[in-house]
């Protein structure tokens, strides 16, 4: 399942994000979005982009096109 497909309040664990470029992958890792990390979708913006997610107690905004490339496993 993709991160962008989660419903509001749903929790999952990041499994991979291999479809992204190295630069984007590094930025996500610096922000705490790492494989095997729990993530929770807080809400989607009114127009659907960006998504607000919580990772390790920190709230982040992630573009939908990036969230489409992040594979998660629902808990």
Protein backbone atom coordinates (compact mmCIF):
# COMPACT_ATOMS: atom_id res chain seq x y z
CA UNK A 1 0.00 0.00 0.00
CA UNK A 2 1.15 3.55 -0.64
CA UNK A 3 1.43 6.22 2.04
CA UNK A 4 -0.96 8.40 0.04
CA UNK A 5 -3.67 5.69 0.29
CA UNK A 6 -3.89 5.75 4.09
CA UNK A 7 -7.05 7.08 5.68
CA UNK A 8 -7.03 9.89 8.23
CA UNK A 9 -5.75 8.60 11.58
CA UNK A 10 -4.51 5.32 10.12
CA UNK A 11 -1.11 4.00 11.24
CA UNK A 12 1.39 2.07 9.15
CA UNK A 13 5.06 1.14 8.95
CA UNK A 14 7.25 2.35 6.10
CA UNK A 15 8.60 -0.61 4.13
CA UNK A 16 10.44 1.06 1.23
CA UNK A 17 10.75 4.06 -1.05
CA UNK A 18 12.98 2.83 -3.83
CA UNK A 19 11.16 4.69 -6.63
CA UNK A 20 12.46 8.06 -5.43
CA UNK A 21 15.64 9.81 -6.53
CA UNK A 22 18.64 9.70 -4.20
CA UNK A 23 18.27 13.40 -3.34
CA UNK A 24 14.63 13.06 -2.29
CA UNK A 25 15.36 9.83 -0.40
CA UNK A 26 18.14 11.54 1.58
CA UNK A 27 15.86 14.46 2.49
CA UNK A 28 13.17 12.07 3.71
CA UNK A 29 15.70 10.15 5.80
CA UNK A 30 16.97 13.38 7.39
CA UNK A 31 13.36 14.17 8.37
CA UNK A 32 12.99 10.73 9.99
CA UNK A 33 11.13 8.86 7.24
CA UNK A 34 13.16 5.65 7.31
CA UNK A 35 12.26 2.06 6.44
CA UNK A 36 10.71 0.16 9.38
CA UNK A 37 9.55 3.44 10.94
CA UNK A 38 5.94 3.85 12.16
CA UNK A 39 4.00 6.65 10.48
CA UNK A 40 0.49 8.04 11.02
CA UNK A 41 -1.57 10.05 8.53
CA UNK A 42 -2.92 13.03 10.46
CA UNK A 43 -4.92 14.61 7.62
CA UNK A 44 -5.02 15.52 3.97
CA UNK A 45 -5.18 19.15 2.86
CA UNK A 46 -8.60 20.32 1.57
CA UNK A 47 -7.45 19.98 -2.05
CA UNK A 48 -5.68 16.67 -1.28
CA UNK A 49 -2.09 17.92 -1.38
CA UNK A 50 0.02 17.92 0.83
CA UNK A 51 -0.50 15.22 3.45
CA UNK A 52 0.25 15.81 7.12
CA UNK A 53 1.99 12.81 8.64
CA UNK A 54 3.44 12.13 12.07
CA UNK A 55 6.77 10.32 12.34
CA UNK A 56 8.57 9.83 15.66
CA UNK A 57 6.42 12.50 17.30
CA UNK A 58 7.13 15.09 14.60
CA UNK A 59 4.48 16.42 12.22
CA UNK A 60 5.59 16.70 8.57
CA UNK A 61 3.97 17.79 5.31
CA UNK A 62 4.60 15.43 2.40
CA UNK A 63 3.61 16.02 -1.22
CA UNK A 64 1.23 13.45 -2.68
CA UNK A 65 3.59 12.57 -5.55
CA UNK A 66 6.27 11.67 -2.98
CA UNK A 67 3.77 9.82 -0.76
CA UNK A 68 2.78 7.76 -3.84
CA UNK A 69 6.35 6.41 -3.96
CA UNK A 70 6.50 5.42 -0.28
CA UNK A 71 5.36 1.85 0.38
CA UNK A 72 3.81 1.14 3.79
CA UNK A 73 2.33 -1.81 5.63
CA UNK A 74 -0.78 -1.07 7.67
CA UNK A 75 -0.50 -1.98 11.36
